[in-house]
Amino acid sequence: MVKKILICDDSLLIRRQLKQFFHYNWKEFEIIEAINGKEAVELYQLEKPFLVFMDIVMPEMDGVSSLKEICQIDSEAKIIVLSSVGNRETLREAIDAGAIDFIQKPWTDEVMNKIIKTYCS
């Protein structure tokens, strides 16, 4: 069974960069994409991804709100916040909402590889 990873970010560039990272480094994952938190919640219910990368600031539904909804659907959801908004308050809010980790944009391959090894092994 192929493990799915959901990338949720309103930036097409970020989604492309993440897809490219996985294509070259972790081919065993199927990547699905959402452009906002609302779509992420809908795709989570349909696809049941193994891991989610979630931006915080997005239109329609922000990352923290969608984090909360996904965690209500699945208390075991593995959601990693990937955001350029890196203040302590935002980080605390995301962790309190159910995020298992936080990555500051721009990320490095080293950080991403460590995250994948930690949560997907």
PDB file of N, CA and C in Angstrom:
ATOM      1  N   MET A   1       0.837  -1.188   0.000  1.00  0.00           N
ATOM      2  CA  MET A   1       0.000   0.000   0.000  1.00  0.00           C
ATOM      3  C   MET A   1       0.883   1.253   0.000  1.00  0.00           C
ATOM      4  N   VAL A   2       0.616   2.159  -0.897  1.00  0.00           N
ATOM      5  CA  VAL A   2       1.390   3.388  -1.016  1.00  0.00           C
ATOM      6  C   VAL A   2       0.957   4.370   0.079  1.00  0.00           C
ATOM      7  N   LYS A   3       1.938   4.942   0.745  1.00  0.00           N
ATOM      8  CA  LYS A   3       1.637   5.966   1.752  1.00  0.00           C
ATOM      9  C   LYS A   3       1.446   7.298   1.043  1.00  0.00           C
ATOM     10  N   LYS A   4       0.397   8.013   1.453  1.00  0.00           N
ATOM     11  CA  LYS A   4       0.093   9.310   0.850  1.00  0.00           C
ATOM     12  C   LYS A   4       0.528  10.433   1.783  1.00  0.00           C
ATOM     13  N   ILE A   5       1.011  11.494   1.164  1.00  0.00           N
ATOM     14  CA  ILE A   5       1.357  12.713   1.887  1.00  0.00           C
ATOM     15  C   ILE A   5       0.545  13.842   1.283  1.00  0.00           C
ATOM     16  N   LEU A   6      -0.123  14.588   2.157  1.00  0.00           N
ATOM     17  CA  LEU A   6      -0.915  15.739   1.730  1.00  0.00           C
ATOM     18  C   LEU A   6      -0.107  17.003   1.974  1.00  0.00           C
ATOM     19  N   ILE A   7       0.054  17.789   0.921  1.00  0.00           N
ATOM     20  CA  ILE A   7       0.709  19.094   1.013  1.00  0.00           C
ATOM     21  C   ILE A   7      -0.372  20.147   0.887  1.00  0.00           C
ATOM     22  N   CYS A   8      -0.500  20.976   1.906  1.00  0.00           N
ATOM     23  CA  CYS A   8      -1.511  22.032   1.882  1.00  0.00           C
ATOM     24  C   CYS A   8      -0.835  23.396   1.989  1.00  0.00           C
ATOM     25  N   ASP A   9      -0.860  24.121   0.898  1.00  0.00           N
ATOM     26  CA  ASP A   9      -0.265  25.461   0.854  1.00  0.00           C
ATOM     27  C   ASP A   9      -0.921  26.218  -0.289  1.00  0.00           C
ATOM     28  N   ASP A  10      -1.236  27.478  -0.067  1.00  0.00           N
ATOM     29  CA  ASP A  10      -1.862  28.267  -1.126  1.00  0.00           C
ATOM     30  C   ASP A  10      -0.858  28.698  -2.186  1.00  0.00           C
ATOM     31  N   SER A  11       0.425  28.510  -1.923  1.00  0.00           N
ATOM     32  CA  SER A  11       1.465  28.870  -2.881  1.00  0.00           C
ATOM     33  C   SER A  11       1.763  27.694  -3.823  1.00  0.00           C
ATOM     34  N   LEU A  12       1.517  27.888  -5.099  1.00  0.00           N
ATOM     35  CA  LEU A  12       1.831  26.884  -6.101  1.00  0.00           C
ATOM     36  C   LEU A  12       3.330  26.573  -6.085  1.00  0.00           C
ATOM     37  N   LEU A  13       4.166  27.584  -5.909  1.00  0.00           N
ATOM     38  CA  LEU A  13       5.612  27.404  -5.875  1.00  0.00           C
ATOM     39  C   LEU A  13       6.020  26.461  -4.734  1.00  0.00           C
ATOM     40  N   ILE A  14       5.479  26.658  -3.549  1.00  0.00           N
ATOM     41  CA  ILE A  14       5.811  25.807  -2.409  1.00  0.00           C
ATOM     42  C   ILE A  14       5.362  24.374  -2.668  1.00  0.00           C
ATOM     43  N   ARG A  15       4.160  24.214  -3.179  1.00  0.00           N
ATOM     44  CA  ARG A  15       3.671  22.862  -3.482  1.00  0.00           C
ATOM     45  C   ARG A  15       4.573  22.178  -4.504  1.00  0.00           C
ATOM     46  N   ARG A  16       4.978  22.904  -5.534  1.00  0.00           N
ATOM     47  CA  ARG A  16       5.872  22.338  -6.552  1.00  0.00           C
ATOM     48  C   ARG A  16       7.222  21.955  -5.955  1.00  0.00           C
ATOM     49  N   GLN A  17       7.778  22.819  -5.107  1.00  0.00           N
ATOM     50  CA  GLN A  17       9.073  22.534  -4.486  1.00  0.00           C
ATOM     51  C   GLN A  17       8.999  21.283  -3.615  1.00  0.00           C
ATOM     52  N   LEU A  18       7.925  21.160  -2.857  1.00  0.00           N
ATOM     53  CA  LEU A  18       7.770  19.980  -2.010  1.00  0.00           C
ATOM     54  C   LEU A  18       7.586  18.712  -2.852  1.00  0.00           C
ATOM     55  N   LYS A  19       6.759  18.794  -3.884  1.00  0.00           N
ATOM     56  CA  LYS A  19       6.565  17.645  -4.760  1.00  0.00           C
ATOM     57  C   LYS A  19       7.891  17.223  -5.386  1.00  0.00           C
ATOM     58  N   GLN A  20       8.669  18.202  -5.815  1.00  0.00           N
ATOM     59  CA  GLN A  20       9.967  17.907  -6.425  1.00  0.00           C
ATOM     60  C   GLN A  20      10.899  17.255  -5.400  1.00  0.00           C
ATOM     61  N   PHE A  21      10.898  17.776  -4.177  1.00  0.00           N
ATOM     62  CA  PHE A  21      11.716  17.174  -3.116  1.00  0.00           C
ATOM     63  C   PHE A  21      11.359  15.693  -2.940  1.00  0.00           C
ATOM     64  N   PHE A  22      10.067  15.406  -2.854  1.00  0.00           N
ATOM     65  CA  PHE A  22       9.647  14.016  -2.675  1.00  0.00           C
ATOM     66  C   PHE A  22       9.956  13.168  -3.910  1.00  0.00           C
ATOM     67  N   HIS A  23       9.788  13.735  -5.074  1.00  0.00           N
ATOM     68  CA  HIS A  23      10.069  13.003  -6.318  1.00  0.00           C
ATOM     69  C   HIS A  23      11.528  12.537  -6.369  1.00  0.00           C
ATOM     70  N   TYR A  24      12.442  13.387  -5.936  1.00  0.00           N
ATOM     71  CA  TYR A  24      13.859  13.052  -6.020  1.00  0.00           C
ATOM     72  C   TYR A  24      14.394  12.291  -4.813  1.00  0.00           C
ATOM     73  N   ASN A  25      13.743  12.423  -3.666  1.00  0.00           N
ATOM     74  CA  ASN A  25      14.282  11.841  -2.443  1.00  0.00           C
ATOM     75  C   ASN A  25      13.453  10.713  -1.829  1.00  0.00           C
ATOM     76  N   TRP A  26      12.167  10.727  -2.046  1.00  0.00           N
ATOM     77  CA  TRP A  26      11.264   9.775  -1.384  1.00  0.00           C
ATOM     78  C   TRP A  26      10.183   9.334  -2.366  1.00  0.00           C
ATOM     79  N   LYS A  27      10.548   8.603  -3.369  1.00  0.00           N
ATOM     80  CA  LYS A  27       9.627   8.207  -4.438  1.00  0.00           C
ATOM     81  C   LYS A  27       8.508   7.289  -3.973  1.00  0.00           C
ATOM     82  N   GLU A  28       8.655   6.691  -2.806  1.00  0.00           N
ATOM     83  CA  GLU A  28       7.654   5.723  -2.351  1.00  0.00           C
ATOM     84  C   GLU A  28       6.348   6.368  -1.886  1.00  0.00           C
ATOM     85  N   PHE A  29       6.312   7.687  -1.787  1.00  0.00           N
ATOM     86  CA  PHE A  29       5.102   8.377  -1.338  1.00  0.00           C
ATOM     87  C   PHE A  29       4.291   8.918  -2.513  1.00  0.00           C
ATOM     88  N   GLU A  30       2.986   8.848  -2.383  1.00  0.00           N
ATOM     89  CA  GLU A  30       2.081   9.498  -3.331  1.00  0.00           C
ATOM     90  C   GLU A  30       1.745  10.867  -2.752  1.00  0.00           C
ATOM     91  N   ILE A  31       1.922  11.908  -3.546  1.00  0.00           N
ATOM     92  CA  ILE A  31       1.689  13.277  -3.079  1.00  0.00           C
ATOM     93  C   ILE A  31       0.330  13.765  -3.573  1.00  0.00           C
ATOM     94  N   ILE A  32      -0.458  14.279  -2.632  1.00  0.00           N
ATOM     95  CA  ILE A  32      -1.716  14.932  -2.973  1.00  0.00           C
ATOM     96  C   ILE A  32      -1.633  16.368  -2.472  1.00  0.00           C
ATOM     97  N   GLU A  33      -2.376  17.265  -3.139  1.00  0.00           N
ATOM     98  CA  GLU A  33      -2.249  18.690  -2.852  1.00  0.00           C
ATOM     99  C   GLU A  33      -3.588  19.345  -2.530  1.00  0.00           C
ATOM    100  N   ALA A  34      -3.516  20.304  -1.611  1.00  0.00           N
ATOM    101  CA  ALA A  34      -4.664  21.152  -1.299  1.00  0.00           C
ATOM    102  C   ALA A  34      -4.187  22.597  -1.341  1.00  0.00           C
ATOM    103  N   ILE A  35      -5.055  23.489  -1.815  1.00  0.00           N
ATOM    104  CA  ILE A  35      -4.670  24.906  -1.942  1.00  0.00           C
ATOM    105  C   ILE A  35      -5.122  25.753  -0.759  1.00  0.00           C
ATOM    106  N   ASN A  36      -5.922  25.168   0.148  1.00  0.00           N
ATOM    107  CA  ASN A  36      -6.337  25.894   1.356  1.00  0.00           C
ATOM    108  C   ASN A  36      -6.777  24.880   2.406  1.00  0.00           C
ATOM    109  N   GLY A  37      -7.037  25.365   3.599  1.00  0.00           N
ATOM    110  CA  GLY A  37      -7.407  24.485   4.701  1.00  0.00           C
ATOM    111  C   GLY A  37      -8.706  23.738   4.481  1.00  0.00           C
ATOM    112  N   LYS A  38      -9.658  24.381   3.856  1.00  0.00           N
ATOM    113  CA  LYS A  38     -10.952  23.731   3.590  1.00  0.00           C
ATOM    114  C   LYS A  38     -10.751  22.515   2.689  1.00  0.00           C
ATOM    115  N   GLU A  39      -9.996  22.704   1.629  1.00  0.00           N
ATOM    116  CA  GLU A  39      -9.715  21.600   0.707  1.00  0.00           C
ATOM    117  C   GLU A  39      -8.896  20.514   1.405  1.00  0.00           C
ATOM    118  N   ALA A  40      -7.995  20.907   2.313  1.00  0.00           N
ATOM    119  CA  ALA A  40      -7.182  19.929   3.045  1.00  0.00           C
ATOM    120  C   ALA A  40      -8.065  19.020   3.900  1.00  0.00           C
ATOM    121  N   VAL A  41      -9.042  19.592   4.568  1.00  0.00           N
ATOM    122  CA  VAL A  41      -9.957  18.796   5.396  1.00  0.00           C
ATOM    123  C   VAL A  41     -10.717  17.806   4.517  1.00  0.00           C
ATOM    124  N   GLU A  42     -11.235  18.285   3.389  1.00  0.00           N
ATOM    125  CA  GLU A  42     -11.984  17.420   2.467  1.00  0.00           C
ATOM    126  C   GLU A  42     -11.099  16.287   1.927  1.00  0.00           C
ATOM    127  N   LEU A  43      -9.871  16.631   1.511  1.00  0.00           N
ATOM    128  CA  LEU A  43      -8.957  15.615   0.975  1.00  0.00           C
ATOM    129  C   LEU A  43      -8.510  14.643   2.060  1.00  0.00           C
ATOM    130  N   TYR A  44      -8.345  15.135   3.274  1.00  0.00           N
ATOM    131  CA  TYR A  44      -7.952  14.243   4.368  1.00  0.00           C
ATOM    132  C   TYR A  44      -9.013  13.164   4.567  1.00  0.00           C
ATOM    133  N   GLN A  45     -10.267  13.580   4.556  1.00  0.00           N
ATOM    134  CA  GLN A  45     -11.351  12.619   4.734  1.00  0.00           C
ATOM    135  C   GLN A  45     -11.391  11.595   3.593  1.00  0.00           C
ATOM    136  N   LEU A  46     -11.158  12.039   2.387  1.00  0.00           N
ATOM    137  CA  LEU A  46     -11.202  11.156   1.218  1.00  0.00           C
ATOM    138  C   LEU A  46      -9.983  10.242   1.097  1.00  0.00           C
ATOM    139  N   GLU A  47      -8.811  10.808   1.286  1.00  0.00           N
ATOM    140  CA  GLU A  47      -7.559  10.113   0.976  1.00  0.00           C
ATOM    141  C   GLU A  47      -6.864   9.465   2.171  1.00  0.00           C
ATOM    142  N   LYS A  48      -7.155   9.925   3.369  1.00  0.00           N
ATOM    143  CA  LYS A  48      -6.526   9.404   4.594  1.00  0.00           C
ATOM    144  C   LYS A  48      -4.992   9.375   4.483  1.00  0.00           C
ATOM    145  N   PRO A  49      -4.370  10.519   4.241  1.00  0.00           N
ATOM    146  CA  PRO A  49      -2.909  10.527   4.080  1.00  0.00           C
ATOM    147  C   PRO A  49      -2.193  10.141   5.369  1.00  0.00           C
ATOM    148  N   PHE A  50      -1.002   9.619   5.193  1.00  0.00           N
ATOM    149  CA  PHE A  50      -0.164   9.202   6.300  1.00  0.00           C
ATOM    150  C   PHE A  50       0.433  10.410   7.029  1.00  0.00           C
ATOM    151  N   LEU A  51       0.722  11.473   6.266  1.00  0.00           N
ATOM    152  CA  LEU A  51       1.381  12.661   6.801  1.00  0.00           C
ATOM    153  C   LEU A  51       0.859  13.884   6.067  1.00  0.00           C
ATOM    154  N   VAL A  52       0.762  15.002   6.786  1.00  0.00           N
ATOM    155  CA  VAL A  52       0.265  16.255   6.208  1.00  0.00           C
ATOM    156  C   VAL A  52       1.278  17.360   6.492  1.00  0.00           C
ATOM    157  N   PHE A  53       1.600  18.143   5.455  1.00  0.00           N
ATOM    158  CA  PHE A  53       2.376  19.375   5.614  1.00  0.00           C
ATOM    159  C   PHE A  53       1.393  20.521   5.409  1.00  0.00           C
ATOM    160  N   MET A  54       1.266  21.399   6.405  1.00  0.00           N
ATOM    161  CA  MET A  54       0.216  22.412   6.416  1.00  0.00           C
ATOM    162  C   MET A  54       0.795  23.814   6.619  1.00  0.00           C
ATOM    163  N   ASP A  55       0.451  24.709   5.709  1.00  0.00           N
ATOM    164  CA  ASP A  55       0.778  26.118   5.879  1.00  0.00           C
ATOM    165  C   ASP A  55      -0.185  26.702   6.911  1.00  0.00           C
ATOM    166  N   ILE A  56       0.147  27.844   7.468  1.00  0.00           N
ATOM    167  CA  ILE A  56      -0.732  28.486   8.457  1.00  0.00           C
ATOM    168  C   ILE A  56      -1.623  29.536   7.806  1.00  0.00           C
ATOM    169  N   VAL A  57      -1.016  30.448   7.063  1.00  0.00           N
ATOM    170  CA  VAL A  57      -1.764  31.570   6.485  1.00  0.00           C
ATOM    171  C   VAL A  57      -2.240  31.192   5.086  1.00  0.00           C
ATOM    172  N   MET A  58      -3.574  30.992   4.967  1.00  0.00           N
ATOM    173  CA  MET A  58      -4.177  30.608   3.683  1.00  0.00           C
ATOM    174  C   MET A  58      -5.586  31.192   3.597  1.00  0.00           C
ATOM    175  N   PRO A  59      -6.088  31.354   2.383  1.00  0.00           N
ATOM    176  CA  PRO A  59      -7.466  31.840   2.212  1.00  0.00           C
ATOM    177  C   PRO A  59      -8.492  30.751   2.548  1.00  0.00           C
ATOM    178  N   GLU A  60      -9.700  31.132   2.717  1.00  0.00           N
ATOM    179  CA  GLU A  60     -10.866  30.274   3.000  1.00  0.00           C
ATOM    180  C   GLU A  60     -10.823  29.650   4.382  1.00  0.00           C
ATOM    181  N   MET A  61      -9.789  28.908   4.702  1.00  0.00           N
ATOM    182  CA  MET A  61      -9.620  28.337   6.036  1.00  0.00           C
ATOM    183  C   MET A  61      -8.129  28.268   6.328  1.00  0.00           C
ATOM    184  N   ASP A  62      -7.717  28.869   7.444  1.00  0.00           N
ATOM    185  CA  ASP A  62      -6.289  28.889   7.768  1.00  0.00           C
ATOM    186  C   ASP A  62      -5.820  27.529   8.283  1.00  0.00           C
ATOM    187  N   GLY A  63      -4.524  27.404   8.447  1.00  0.00           N
ATOM    188  CA  GLY A  63      -3.930  26.141   8.849  1.00  0.00           C
ATOM    189  C   GLY A  63      -4.343  25.675  10.231  1.00  0.00           C
ATOM    190  N   VAL A  64      -4.432  26.590  11.185  1.00  0.00           N
ATOM    191  CA  VAL A  64      -4.803  26.200  12.548  1.00  0.00           C
ATOM    192  C   VAL A  64      -6.240  25.679  12.587  1.00  0.00           C
ATOM    193  N   SER A  65      -7.143  26.342  11.894  1.00  0.00           N
ATOM    194  CA  SER A  65      -8.538  25.883  11.849  1.00  0.00           C
ATOM    195  C   SER A  65      -8.645  24.513  11.192  1.00  0.00           C
ATOM    196  N   SER A  66      -7.920  24.312  10.096  1.00  0.00           N
ATOM    197  CA  SER A  66      -7.992  23.015   9.423  1.00  0.00           C
ATOM    198  C   SER A  66      -7.299  21.929  10.248  1.00  0.00           C
ATOM    199  N   LEU A  67      -6.231  22.291  10.949  1.00  0.00           N
ATOM    200  CA  LEU A  67      -5.580  21.361  11.874  1.00  0.00           C
ATOM    201  C   LEU A  67      -6.590  20.834  12.891  1.00  0.00           C
ATOM    202  N   LYS A  68      -7.328  21.750  13.480  1.00  0.00           N
ATOM    203  CA  LYS A  68      -8.325  21.374  14.485  1.00  0.00           C
ATOM    204  C   LYS A  68      -9.382  20.443  13.907  1.00  0.00           C
ATOM    205  N   GLU A  69      -9.855  20.757  12.708  1.00  0.00           N
ATOM    206  CA  GLU A  69     -10.886  19.917  12.081  1.00  0.00           C
ATOM    207  C   GLU A  69     -10.353  18.531  11.744  1.00  0.00           C
ATOM    208  N   ILE A  70      -9.148  18.480  11.191  1.00  0.00           N
ATOM    209  CA  ILE A  70      -8.565  17.185  10.848  1.00  0.00           C
ATOM    210  C   ILE A  70      -8.354  16.345  12.112  1.00  0.00           C
ATOM    211  N   CYS A  71      -7.891  16.975  13.186  1.00  0.00           N
ATOM    212  CA  CYS A  71      -7.666  16.239  14.432  1.00  0.00           C
ATOM    213  C   CYS A  71      -8.975  15.770  15.068  1.00  0.00           C
ATOM    214  N   GLN A  72     -10.071  16.461  14.790  1.00  0.00           N
ATOM    215  CA  GLN A  72     -11.375  15.982  15.256  1.00  0.00           C
ATOM    216  C   GLN A  72     -11.795  14.742  14.458  1.00  0.00           C
ATOM    217  N   ILE A  73     -11.452  14.721  13.179  1.00  0.00           N
ATOM    218  CA  ILE A  73     -11.759  13.577  12.315  1.00  0.00           C
ATOM    219  C   ILE A  73     -10.882  12.384  12.697  1.00  0.00           C
ATOM    220  N   ASP A  74      -9.594  12.669  12.941  1.00  0.00           N
ATOM    221  CA  ASP A  74      -8.616  11.613  13.211  1.00  0.00           C
ATOM    222  C   ASP A  74      -7.636  12.104  14.282  1.00  0.00           C
ATOM    223  N   SER A  75      -7.817  11.636  15.497  1.00  0.00           N
ATOM    224  CA  SER A  75      -6.963  12.085  16.604  1.00  0.00           C
ATOM    225  C   SER A  75      -5.512  11.617  16.447  1.00  0.00           C
ATOM    226  N   GLU A  76      -5.260  10.699  15.529  1.00  0.00           N
ATOM    227  CA  GLU A  76      -3.907  10.189  15.284  1.00  0.00           C
ATOM    228  C   GLU A  76      -3.241  10.855  14.073  1.00  0.00           C
ATOM    229  N   ALA A  77      -3.876  11.877  13.510  1.00  0.00           N
ATOM    230  CA  ALA A  77      -3.333  12.548  12.323  1.00  0.00           C
ATOM    231  C   ALA A  77      -1.933  13.091  12.605  1.00  0.00           C
ATOM    232  N   LYS A  78      -1.048  12.916  11.620  1.00  0.00           N
ATOM    233  CA  LYS A  78       0.315  13.446  11.716  1.00  0.00           C
ATOM    234  C   LYS A  78       0.381  14.684  10.835  1.00  0.00           C
ATOM    235  N   ILE A  79       0.356  15.849  11.475  1.00  0.00           N
ATOM    236  CA  ILE A  79       0.354  17.117  10.736  1.00  0.00           C
ATOM    237  C   ILE A  79       1.567  17.936  11.148  1.00  0.00           C
ATOM    238  N   ILE A  80       2.323  18.339  10.148  1.00  0.00           N
ATOM    239  CA  ILE A  80       3.502  19.167  10.368  1.00  0.00           C
ATOM    240  C   ILE A  80       3.238  20.529   9.766  1.00  0.00           C
ATOM    241  N   VAL A  81       3.372  21.543  10.581  1.00  0.00           N
ATOM    242  CA  VAL A  81       3.179  22.912  10.103  1.00  0.00           C
ATOM    243  C   VAL A  81       4.446  23.339   9.382  1.00  0.00           C
ATOM    244  N   LEU A  82       4.264  23.876   8.196  1.00  0.00           N
ATOM    245  CA  LEU A  82       5.360  24.360   7.356  1.00  0.00           C
ATOM    246  C   LEU A  82       5.011  25.802   7.009  1.00  0.00           C
ATOM    247  N   SER A  83       5.628  26.748   7.716  1.00  0.00           N
ATOM    248  CA  SER A  83       5.173  28.123   7.569  1.00  0.00           C
ATOM    249  C   SER A  83       6.308  29.129   7.696  1.00  0.00           C
ATOM    250  N   SER A  84       6.120  30.285   7.078  1.00  0.00           N
ATOM    251  CA  SER A  84       7.068  31.385   7.241  1.00  0.00           C
ATOM    252  C   SER A  84       6.702  32.230   8.454  1.00  0.00           C
ATOM    253  N   VAL A  85       5.514  32.009   9.006  1.00  0.00           N
ATOM    254  CA  VAL A  85       5.086  32.697  10.225  1.00  0.00           C
ATOM    255  C   VAL A  85       5.653  31.906  11.386  1.00  0.00           C
ATOM    256  N   GLY A  86       6.784  32.362  11.912  1.00  0.00           N
ATOM    257  CA  GLY A  86       7.499  31.560  12.888  1.00  0.00           C
ATOM    258  C   GLY A  86       7.549  32.112  14.299  1.00  0.00           C
ATOM    259  N   ASN A  87       6.591  32.928  14.686  1.00  0.00           N
ATOM    260  CA  ASN A  87       6.650  33.439  16.050  1.00  0.00           C
ATOM    261  C   ASN A  87       6.153  32.392  17.046  1.00  0.00           C
ATOM    262  N   ARG A  88       6.520  32.553  18.304  1.00  0.00           N
ATOM    263  CA  ARG A  88       6.197  31.562  19.344  1.00  0.00           C
ATOM    264  C   ARG A  88       4.697  31.372  19.525  1.00  0.00           C
ATOM    265  N   GLU A  89       3.953  32.447  19.429  1.00  0.00           N
ATOM    266  CA  GLU A  89       2.504  32.361  19.619  1.00  0.00           C
ATOM    267  C   GLU A  89       1.863  31.464  18.545  1.00  0.00           C
ATOM    268  N   THR A  90       2.270  31.674  17.305  1.00  0.00           N
ATOM    269  CA  THR A  90       1.737  30.868  16.203  1.00  0.00           C
ATOM    270  C   THR A  90       2.150  29.407  16.357  1.00  0.00           C
ATOM    271  N   LEU A  91       3.403  29.174  16.710  1.00  0.00           N
ATOM    272  CA  LEU A  91       3.891  27.821  16.932  1.00  0.00           C
ATOM    273  C   LEU A  91       3.095  27.141  18.047  1.00  0.00           C
ATOM    274  N   ARG A  92       2.899  27.816  19.154  1.00  0.00           N
ATOM    275  CA  ARG A  92       2.151  27.261  20.290  1.00  0.00           C
ATOM    276  C   ARG A  92       0.717  26.945  19.873  1.00  0.00           C
ATOM    277  N   GLU A  93       0.102  27.858  19.137  1.00  0.00           N
ATOM    278  CA  GLU A  93      -1.269  27.652  18.681  1.00  0.00           C
ATOM    279  C   GLU A  93      -1.369  26.408  17.782  1.00  0.00           C
ATOM    280  N   ALA A  94      -0.396  26.241  16.892  1.00  0.00           N
ATOM    281  CA  ALA A  94      -0.397  25.089  15.986  1.00  0.00           C
ATOM    282  C   ALA A  94      -0.175  23.782  16.752  1.00  0.00           C
ATOM    283  N   ILE A  95       0.738  23.773  17.686  1.00  0.00           N
ATOM    284  CA  ILE A  95       1.001  22.574  18.488  1.00  0.00           C
ATOM    285  C   ILE A  95      -0.219  22.251  19.345  1.00  0.00           C
ATOM    286  N   ASP A  96      -0.817  23.266  19.947  1.00  0.00           N
ATOM    287  CA  ASP A  96      -2.023  23.057  20.756  1.00  0.00           C
ATOM    288  C   ASP A  96      -3.182  22.532  19.915  1.00  0.00           C
ATOM    289  N   ALA A  97      -3.214  22.900  18.638  1.00  0.00           N
ATOM    290  CA  ALA A  97      -4.283  22.458  17.746  1.00  0.00           C
ATOM    291  C   ALA A  97      -4.068  21.019  17.261  1.00  0.00           C
ATOM    292  N   GLY A  98      -2.853  20.488  17.451  1.00  0.00           N
ATOM    293  CA  GLY A  98      -2.617  19.101  17.073  1.00  0.00           C
ATOM    294  C   GLY A  98      -1.418  18.833  16.186  1.00  0.00           C
ATOM    295  N   ALA A  99      -0.679  19.865  15.799  1.00  0.00           N
ATOM    296  CA  ALA A  99       0.517  19.650  14.966  1.00  0.00           C
ATOM    297  C   ALA A  99       1.558  18.855  15.743  1.00  0.00           C
ATOM    298  N   ILE A 100       2.254  17.961  15.054  1.00  0.00           N
ATOM    299  CA  ILE A 100       3.295  17.166  15.716  1.00  0.00           C
ATOM    300  C   ILE A 100       4.676  17.792  15.579  1.00  0.00           C
ATOM    301  N   ASP A 101       4.804  18.755  14.657  1.00  0.00           N
ATOM    302  CA  ASP A 101       6.096  19.403  14.457  1.00  0.00           C
ATOM    303  C   ASP A 101       5.892  20.694  13.676  1.00  0.00           C
ATOM    304  N   PHE A 102       6.956  21.496  13.594  1.00  0.00           N
ATOM    305  CA  PHE A 102       6.905  22.798  12.933  1.00  0.00           C
ATOM    306  C   PHE A 102       8.188  22.984  12.137  1.00  0.00           C
ATOM    307  N   ILE A 103       8.058  23.338  10.865  1.00  0.00           N
ATOM    308  CA  ILE A 103       9.214  23.631  10.017  1.00  0.00           C
ATOM    309  C   ILE A 103       9.084  25.058   9.510  1.00  0.00           C
ATOM    310  N   GLN A 104      10.157  25.804   9.683  1.00  0.00           N
ATOM    311  CA  GLN A 104      10.196  27.185   9.220  1.00  0.00           C
ATOM    312  C   GLN A 104      10.547  27.222   7.739  1.00  0.00           C
ATOM    313  N   LYS A 105       9.786  27.992   6.940  1.00  0.00           N
ATOM    314  CA  LYS A 105      10.145  28.222   5.539  1.00  0.00           C
ATOM    315  C   LYS A 105      11.229  29.280   5.497  1.00  0.00           C
ATOM    316  N   PRO A 106      12.150  29.232   4.605  1.00  0.00           N
ATOM    317  CA  PRO A 106      12.406  28.141   3.669  1.00  0.00           C
ATOM    318  C   PRO A 106      13.079  26.978   4.394  1.00  0.00           C
ATOM    319  N   TRP A 107      12.723  25.764   4.009  1.00  0.00           N
ATOM    320  CA  TRP A 107      13.288  24.579   4.634  1.00  0.00           C
ATOM    321  C   TRP A 107      14.520  24.134   3.866  1.00  0.00           C
ATOM    322  N   THR A 108      15.260  23.218   4.473  1.00  0.00           N
ATOM    323  CA  THR A 108      16.404  22.608   3.785  1.00  0.00           C
ATOM    324  C   THR A 108      16.082  21.130   3.560  1.00  0.00           C
ATOM    325  N   ASP A 109      16.759  20.519   2.624  1.00  0.00           N
ATOM    326  CA  ASP A 109      16.578  19.087   2.392  1.00  0.00           C
ATOM    327  C   ASP A 109      16.947  18.298   3.643  1.00  0.00           C
ATOM    328  N   GLU A 110      17.959  18.749   4.346  1.00  0.00           N
ATOM    329  CA  GLU A 110      18.401  18.069   5.574  1.00  0.00           C
ATOM    330  C   GLU A 110      17.272  18.032   6.606  1.00  0.00           C
ATOM    331  N   VAL A 111      16.623  19.159   6.811  1.00  0.00           N
ATOM    332  CA  VAL A 111      15.512  19.225   7.767  1.00  0.00           C
ATOM    333  C   VAL A 111      14.354  18.338   7.302  1.00  0.00           C
ATOM    334  N   MET A 112      14.021  18.412   6.024  1.00  0.00           N
ATOM    335  CA  MET A 112      12.931  17.600   5.486  1.00  0.00           C
ATOM    336  C   MET A 112      13.227  16.114   5.612  1.00  0.00           C
ATOM    337  N   ASN A 113      14.437  15.715   5.280  1.00  0.00           N
ATOM    338  CA  ASN A 113      14.804  14.312   5.388  1.00  0.00           C
ATOM    339  C   ASN A 113      14.708  13.817   6.830  1.00  0.00           C
ATOM    340  N   LYS A 114      15.125  14.653   7.755  1.00  0.00           N
ATOM    341  CA  LYS A 114      15.037  14.292   9.176  1.00  0.00           C
ATOM    342  C   LYS A 114      13.572  14.103   9.588  1.00  0.00           C
ATOM    343  N   ILE A 115      12.704  14.984   9.126  1.00  0.00           N
ATOM    344  CA  ILE A 115      11.268  14.894   9.437  1.00  0.00           C
ATOM    345  C   ILE A 115      10.707  13.590   8.880  1.00  0.00           C
ATOM    346  N   ILE A 116      11.012  13.288   7.641  1.00  0.00           N
ATOM    347  CA  ILE A 116      10.485  12.071   7.004  1.00  0.00           C
ATOM    348  C   ILE A 116      11.000  10.831   7.738  1.00  0.00           C
ATOM    349  N   LYS A 117      12.274  10.805   8.072  1.00  0.00           N
ATOM    350  CA  LYS A 117      12.833   9.663   8.792  1.00  0.00           C
ATOM    351  C   LYS A 117      12.198   9.516  10.172  1.00  0.00           C
ATOM    352  N   THR A 118      11.901  10.626  10.823  1.00  0.00           N
ATOM    353  CA  THR A 118      11.314  10.597  12.160  1.00  0.00           C
ATOM    354  C   THR A 118       9.875  10.089  12.137  1.00  0.00           C
ATOM    355  N   TYR A 119       9.084  10.578  11.207  1.00  0.00           N
ATOM    356  CA  TYR A 119       7.638  10.292  11.253  1.00  0.00           C
ATOM    357  C   TYR A 119       7.168   9.230  10.273  1.00  0.00           C
ATOM    358  N   CYS A 120       8.028   8.789   9.382  1.00  0.00           N
ATOM    359  CA  CYS A 120       7.586   7.806   8.385  1.00  0.00           C
ATOM    360  C   CYS A 120       8.322   6.477   8.487  1.00  0.00           C
ATOM    361  N   SER A 121       9.122   6.301   9.488  1.00  0.00           N
ATOM    362  CA  SER A 121       9.872   5.038   9.621  1.00  0.00           C
ATOM    363  C   SER A 121       9.121   4.060  10.504  1.00  0.00           C
TER     364      SER A 121
END
